[in-house]
Structure formats: C-alpha cells, structure tokens
N, C-alpha and C. Protein backbone atom coordinates (compact mmCIF):
# COMPACT_ATOMS: atom_id res chain seq x y z
N MET A 1 -27.68 43.36 -68.36
CA MET A 1 -26.76 45.04 -68.41
C MET A 1 -25.90 45.02 -67.01
N LEU A 2 -24.75 45.09 -67.40
CA LEU A 2 -23.83 45.25 -66.41
C LEU A 2 -23.95 46.46 -65.56
N MET A 3 -24.40 46.06 -64.08
CA MET A 3 -24.37 47.24 -63.10
C MET A 3 -23.19 46.95 -61.83
N VAL A 4 -22.72 48.03 -61.74
CA VAL A 4 -21.60 48.29 -60.63
C VAL A 4 -21.52 49.24 -59.35
N THR A 5 -21.28 48.99 -58.37
CA THR A 5 -21.20 50.00 -57.59
C THR A 5 -19.96 50.99 -57.82
N LEU A 6 -18.99 50.37 -58.29
CA LEU A 6 -17.66 51.14 -58.53
C LEU A 6 -18.16 52.33 -59.74
N ASN A 7 -16.91 53.35 -59.75
CA ASN A 7 -17.22 54.30 -60.58
C ASN A 7 -16.40 54.05 -62.06
N TYR A 8 -15.93 52.73 -62.07
CA TYR A 8 -15.17 52.17 -63.09
C TYR A 8 -15.36 50.95 -63.33
N ILE A 9 -15.12 50.31 -64.43
CA ILE A 9 -15.14 49.13 -64.70
C ILE A 9 -13.74 48.23 -65.19
N PRO A 10 -13.48 47.53 -64.51
CA PRO A 10 -11.98 47.11 -64.78
C PRO A 10 -11.87 46.50 -66.10
N GLY A 11 -10.55 46.87 -66.74
CA GLY A 11 -10.59 46.77 -68.16
C GLY A 11 -11.71 47.32 -69.42
N LYS A 12 -12.25 48.10 -69.24
CA LYS A 12 -12.95 48.89 -69.86
C LYS A 12 -13.10 50.55 -69.84
N GLU A 13 -13.17 51.08 -71.07
CA GLU A 13 -13.23 52.77 -71.16
C GLU A 13 -14.38 52.76 -71.56
N PHE A 14 -15.05 53.84 -70.98
CA PHE A 14 -16.17 54.42 -71.47
C PHE A 14 -16.65 55.69 -71.31
N GLU A 15 -17.74 56.21 -72.03
CA GLU A 15 -18.08 57.63 -71.73
C GLU A 15 -19.53 57.47 -70.85
N ALA A 16 -19.79 58.67 -70.04
CA ALA A 16 -20.66 58.92 -69.47
C ALA A 16 -21.95 59.49 -70.41
N ILE A 17 -23.13 58.57 -70.40
CA ILE A 17 -24.30 59.03 -70.79
C ILE A 17 -25.05 60.12 -70.38
N GLY A 18 -25.17 59.50 -68.97
CA GLY A 18 -26.24 60.67 -67.94
C GLY A 18 -26.72 59.34 -66.97
N ILE A 19 -27.11 60.45 -66.17
CA ILE A 19 -27.71 59.73 -64.91
C ILE A 19 -29.16 59.19 -64.97
N VAL A 20 -29.41 57.81 -64.46
CA VAL A 20 -30.51 56.98 -64.85
C VAL A 20 -31.00 56.66 -63.52
N LYS A 21 -32.48 56.35 -63.18
CA LYS A 21 -32.90 56.51 -62.04
C LYS A 21 -34.08 55.30 -62.24
N GLY A 22 -34.61 54.62 -61.17
CA GLY A 22 -35.79 54.25 -61.00
C GLY A 22 -36.32 54.28 -59.71
N SER A 23 -37.71 53.98 -59.54
CA SER A 23 -38.46 53.89 -58.26
C SER A 23 -39.40 53.11 -58.01
N SER A 24 -39.69 52.70 -56.95
CA SER A 24 -40.67 52.03 -56.50
C SER A 24 -41.30 52.42 -55.46
N ILE A 25 -42.73 52.77 -54.88
CA ILE A 25 -43.36 52.79 -53.78
C ILE A 25 -44.32 51.40 -53.45
N ARG A 26 -43.99 50.74 -52.32
CA ARG A 26 -44.82 49.67 -52.17
C ARG A 26 -45.33 49.78 -50.66
N THR A 27 -46.01 48.91 -50.54
CA THR A 27 -46.72 48.77 -48.92
C THR A 27 -47.03 47.40 -48.83
N VAL A 28 -47.44 47.01 -47.86
CA VAL A 28 -47.99 45.68 -47.22
C VAL A 28 -49.30 45.70 -47.02
N HIS A 29 -50.50 44.84 -47.10
CA HIS A 29 -51.52 44.98 -46.87
C HIS A 29 -52.01 44.86 -45.44
N ALA A 30 -53.07 45.66 -44.98
CA ALA A 30 -53.28 45.92 -43.69
C ALA A 30 -53.20 44.77 -42.50
N GLY A 31 -53.55 43.50 -43.20
CA GLY A 31 -53.70 42.29 -42.16
C GLY A 31 -51.94 42.22 -41.91
N LYS A 32 -50.95 42.36 -42.79
CA LYS A 32 -49.45 41.83 -42.48
C LYS A 32 -49.07 43.00 -41.61
N ASP A 33 -49.82 44.41 -41.86
CA ASP A 33 -49.38 45.39 -41.12
C ASP A 33 -49.62 45.32 -39.79
N ILE A 34 -51.04 44.71 -39.57
CA ILE A 34 -51.42 44.57 -37.98
C ILE A 34 -50.14 43.50 -37.29
N MET A 35 -50.01 42.51 -38.28
CA MET A 35 -49.23 41.49 -37.46
C MET A 35 -47.86 41.62 -37.21
N ASN A 36 -47.34 42.60 -38.11
CA ASN A 36 -45.96 43.31 -38.06
C ASN A 36 -46.04 44.23 -36.49
N GLY A 37 -47.27 44.85 -36.43
CA GLY A 37 -47.13 45.55 -35.35
C GLY A 37 -47.07 44.78 -34.05
N LEU A 38 -47.76 43.90 -33.82
CA LEU A 38 -48.09 42.79 -32.78
C LEU A 38 -46.75 42.16 -32.65
N LYS A 39 -45.73 41.89 -33.80
CA LYS A 39 -44.73 41.40 -33.46
C LYS A 39 -43.37 42.10 -33.09
N THR A 40 -43.67 43.53 -33.24
CA THR A 40 -42.93 44.56 -32.49
C THR A 40 -42.63 44.14 -30.93
N LEU A 41 -43.89 43.79 -30.35
CA LEU A 41 -43.82 43.50 -29.18
C LEU A 41 -43.10 42.39 -28.60
N VAL A 42 -42.78 41.10 -29.42
CA VAL A 42 -41.90 40.39 -29.09
C VAL A 42 -40.54 40.17 -29.39
N GLY A 43 -40.44 41.22 -30.70
CA GLY A 43 -39.00 40.93 -31.10
C GLY A 43 -39.14 40.15 -32.35
N GLY A 44 -38.18 40.42 -33.31
CA GLY A 44 -37.85 39.48 -34.39
C GLY A 44 -38.01 39.91 -35.83
N GLU A 45 -37.80 39.15 -36.88
CA GLU A 45 -37.54 39.56 -38.05
C GLU A 45 -39.07 39.84 -38.58
N LEU A 46 -39.44 41.00 -39.43
CA LEU A 46 -40.40 41.20 -39.98
C LEU A 46 -40.36 40.92 -41.14
N ASP A 47 -40.79 39.83 -41.62
CA ASP A 47 -40.44 38.99 -42.97
C ASP A 47 -41.45 39.78 -44.19
N SER A 48 -42.58 40.47 -43.84
CA SER A 48 -43.35 40.95 -44.75
C SER A 48 -42.89 42.19 -45.33
N TYR A 49 -42.31 42.86 -44.33
CA TYR A 49 -41.85 44.02 -44.45
C TYR A 49 -40.37 43.78 -45.38
N ASN A 50 -39.54 42.77 -45.42
CA ASN A 50 -38.30 42.38 -46.06
C ASN A 50 -38.55 42.35 -47.39
N GLU A 51 -39.77 41.55 -47.51
CA GLU A 51 -40.00 41.03 -48.89
C GLU A 51 -40.64 42.19 -49.51
N MET A 52 -41.29 43.09 -48.85
CA MET A 52 -41.77 44.39 -49.55
C MET A 52 -40.58 45.12 -50.19
N MET A 53 -39.86 45.24 -49.30
CA MET A 53 -38.61 46.33 -49.42
C MET A 53 -37.68 45.35 -50.59
N ASN A 54 -37.62 43.96 -50.43
CA ASN A 54 -36.99 43.26 -51.86
C ASN A 54 -37.59 43.56 -52.97
N GLU A 55 -38.81 43.24 -52.84
CA GLU A 55 -39.74 43.70 -54.28
C GLU A 55 -39.11 45.29 -54.73
N ALA A 56 -39.49 45.95 -53.69
CA ALA A 56 -39.29 47.67 -54.09
C ALA A 56 -38.08 47.54 -54.83
N ARG A 57 -37.08 46.95 -54.16
CA ARG A 57 -35.35 47.24 -54.82
C ARG A 57 -35.61 46.62 -56.39
N ALA A 58 -35.97 45.43 -56.39
CA ALA A 58 -36.17 44.73 -57.69
C ALA A 58 -36.73 45.75 -58.53
N TYR A 59 -37.95 46.27 -58.50
CA TYR A 59 -38.67 47.12 -59.24
C TYR A 59 -37.90 48.34 -59.56
N ALA A 60 -37.31 48.91 -58.68
CA ALA A 60 -36.73 50.05 -58.87
C ALA A 60 -35.22 49.88 -59.79
N THR A 61 -34.79 48.77 -59.39
CA THR A 61 -33.46 48.39 -60.34
C THR A 61 -34.01 47.87 -61.99
N LYS A 62 -34.78 47.41 -62.06
CA LYS A 62 -35.05 47.25 -63.52
C LYS A 62 -35.86 48.48 -64.35
N ARG A 63 -36.23 49.35 -63.46
CA ARG A 63 -36.53 50.81 -63.97
C ARG A 63 -35.35 51.59 -64.36
N MET A 64 -34.43 51.47 -63.26
CA MET A 64 -33.30 52.03 -63.80
C MET A 64 -32.47 51.51 -65.04
N GLU A 65 -32.59 50.34 -65.01
CA GLU A 65 -31.95 49.59 -66.26
C GLU A 65 -32.61 49.72 -67.47
N ASP A 66 -34.07 50.04 -67.48
CA ASP A 66 -34.92 50.09 -68.68
C ASP A 66 -34.54 51.79 -69.19
N ASP A 67 -34.21 52.69 -67.85
CA ASP A 67 -33.93 53.89 -68.45
C ASP A 67 -32.64 53.81 -69.29
N ALA A 68 -31.79 53.02 -68.63
CA ALA A 68 -30.38 53.18 -69.18
C ALA A 68 -30.65 52.47 -70.56
N ARG A 69 -31.27 51.31 -70.86
CA ARG A 69 -31.48 50.86 -72.31
C ARG A 69 -31.89 51.98 -73.39
N ASN A 70 -32.87 52.54 -72.87
CA ASN A 70 -33.53 53.50 -73.59
C ASN A 70 -32.77 54.79 -73.96
N LEU A 71 -31.56 55.08 -73.49
CA LEU A 71 -30.20 56.05 -73.81
C LEU A 71 -29.33 55.43 -74.51
N GLY A 72 -29.43 54.04 -74.68
CA GLY A 72 -28.45 53.05 -75.52
C GLY A 72 -27.24 52.62 -74.55
N ALA A 73 -27.08 52.93 -73.25
CA ALA A 73 -26.00 52.33 -72.13
C ALA A 73 -25.97 50.91 -72.38
N ASP A 74 -24.34 50.60 -72.43
CA ASP A 74 -23.97 49.39 -71.78
C ASP A 74 -23.84 48.88 -70.79
N ALA A 75 -23.78 49.78 -70.08
CA ALA A 75 -23.70 49.51 -68.41
C ALA A 75 -24.09 50.67 -67.36
N ILE A 76 -24.09 50.51 -65.95
CA ILE A 76 -24.56 51.55 -65.22
C ILE A 76 -23.06 51.27 -64.12
N VAL A 77 -22.81 52.71 -63.97
CA VAL A 77 -21.61 52.51 -62.70
C VAL A 77 -22.18 53.33 -61.49
N ASN A 78 -21.01 53.32 -60.51
CA ASN A 78 -21.87 54.23 -59.37
C ASN A 78 -23.03 54.11 -58.75
N VAL A 79 -23.65 52.64 -59.04
CA VAL A 79 -24.97 52.17 -58.71
C VAL A 79 -25.44 52.68 -57.18
N ARG A 80 -26.41 53.38 -56.78
CA ARG A 80 -26.73 53.44 -55.35
C ARG A 80 -28.33 53.47 -55.32
N TYR A 81 -28.62 52.99 -54.01
CA TYR A 81 -29.98 52.92 -53.54
C TYR A 81 -30.58 54.11 -52.32
N SER A 82 -31.54 54.35 -52.32
CA SER A 82 -32.03 55.19 -51.31
C SER A 82 -33.42 54.65 -50.98
N SER A 83 -33.86 54.91 -49.70
CA SER A 83 -35.32 54.69 -49.37
C SER A 83 -35.71 55.46 -48.45
N SER A 84 -36.81 55.65 -48.65
CA SER A 84 -37.66 56.67 -47.34
C SER A 84 -39.32 56.23 -47.26
N SER A 85 -39.51 56.23 -46.03
CA SER A 85 -41.16 56.34 -45.72
C SER A 85 -41.63 57.55 -46.31
N VAL A 86 -43.12 57.01 -47.30
CA VAL A 86 -43.90 57.73 -47.79
C VAL A 86 -45.42 58.02 -46.90
N ALA A 87 -45.47 57.08 -46.30
CA ALA A 87 -46.37 56.75 -45.51
C ALA A 87 -46.55 55.68 -44.60
N GLN A 88 -47.40 55.78 -43.73
CA GLN A 88 -47.29 54.59 -42.54
C GLN A 88 -47.20 52.79 -43.19
N SER A 89 -46.44 52.27 -43.05
CA SER A 89 -46.23 50.94 -44.03
C SER A 89 -46.14 50.95 -45.54
N ALA A 90 -45.41 52.27 -45.92
CA ALA A 90 -45.34 52.21 -47.36
C ALA A 90 -43.88 52.81 -47.34
N ALA A 91 -43.02 52.42 -48.37
CA ALA A 91 -41.65 53.08 -48.57
C ALA A 91 -41.70 53.23 -49.77
N GLU A 92 -40.62 54.14 -50.40
CA GLU A 92 -40.03 54.07 -51.65
C GLU A 92 -38.67 53.72 -51.96
N VAL A 93 -38.28 52.79 -52.67
CA VAL A 93 -36.71 52.74 -53.01
C VAL A 93 -36.44 53.48 -54.15
N MET A 94 -35.40 54.42 -54.47
CA MET A 94 -34.81 54.64 -55.23
C MET A 94 -33.59 54.21 -55.82
N ALA A 95 -33.32 53.48 -57.09
CA ALA A 95 -32.12 53.08 -57.64
C ALA A 95 -31.57 54.29 -58.56
N TYR A 96 -30.12 54.46 -58.59
CA TYR A 96 -29.56 55.34 -59.38
C TYR A 96 -28.12 55.29 -59.52
N GLY A 97 -27.99 55.74 -60.99
CA GLY A 97 -26.62 55.67 -61.12
C GLY A 97 -26.09 56.49 -62.44
N THR A 98 -24.81 56.03 -63.38
CA THR A 98 -24.34 56.80 -64.45
C THR A 98 -24.56 55.51 -65.43
N ALA A 99 -25.27 55.75 -66.40
CA ALA A 99 -25.14 55.21 -67.85
C ALA A 99 -24.04 55.55 -68.64
N VAL A 100 -23.48 54.66 -69.15
CA VAL A 100 -22.27 54.74 -69.85
C VAL A 100 -22.36 53.84 -71.14
N LYS A 101 -21.38 54.37 -72.06
CA LYS A 101 -21.39 53.49 -73.40
C LYS A 101 -19.43 53.07 -73.54
N PHE A 102 -19.50 51.93 -73.43
CA PHE A 102 -18.24 51.66 -73.90
C PHE A 102 -17.75 52.17 -74.93
N ILE A 103 -16.30 52.52 -75.05
CA ILE A 103 -15.51 53.11 -76.12
C ILE A 103 -14.95 51.76 -76.73
N PRO A 104 -14.78 51.36 -78.05
CA PRO A 104 -14.22 50.54 -78.45
C PRO A 104 -12.97 50.25 -78.36
N LYS A 105 -11.89 49.34 -78.23
CA LYS A 105 -10.47 49.45 -78.12
C LYS A 105 -10.18 49.27 -79.64
N GLU A 106 -9.23 50.39 -79.84
CA GLU A 106 -8.39 50.11 -81.07
C GLU A 106 -7.38 49.00 -81.42
N ALA A 107 -7.48 48.47 -82.86
CA ALA A 107 -7.00 47.33 -83.06
C ALA A 107 -5.33 47.66 -83.32
C-alpha cells in the first residue's frame, strides 16, 4: 500500500475515507536493560533500544496499513508517528494517517 507523509499524491485524485492508526508497545528484556543502564555511564548508542523502537514502528505501520485495507483504502496520506514512554524500558509507537480511495480518471 502506498504511504506518504505528504497530504497529496502527485498525479492522483482521491477522497478521504477516514483516519487510520496502528500502535505497538515494546520493551527490552531485563538483561539488556541493565546493560543499557551501564552503557549510559560511558556513552554510546543503545543498540537494543534502537532495535526495540524499529520493531515497534514496523508493527505500528503494519497495523495502520491493515486498518486502511479494512476500509478499502488505496493509500494513506499524511502519515505520522509518535512515541511515548509507558513504563521503564517500554515505549509505545503510534502510526497514523488518512486513508484515501483513488478517484478514477475519466477517459
């Protein structure tokens, strides 16, 4: 499914169907969390948290896409992501946008 952060799709006319969304709450296991805590003492990238957030975005995007397909959408415009901490070492990622149906061009 086509997904764009723009509020238009070049060369396409469409009608809005509705808002679609998907979310995922992910965490790292305690061992990785302890290691990340120690890493903050010396600095550097927290790879397991990056992996956690990448997985959360992927699940949220898939769920948003499924929501759009259930509405019969052809695409999602104005796609956005937000994240928030829901507990220590756990984060929610929300993907949302507007599901649209293409208007066929008349011959």
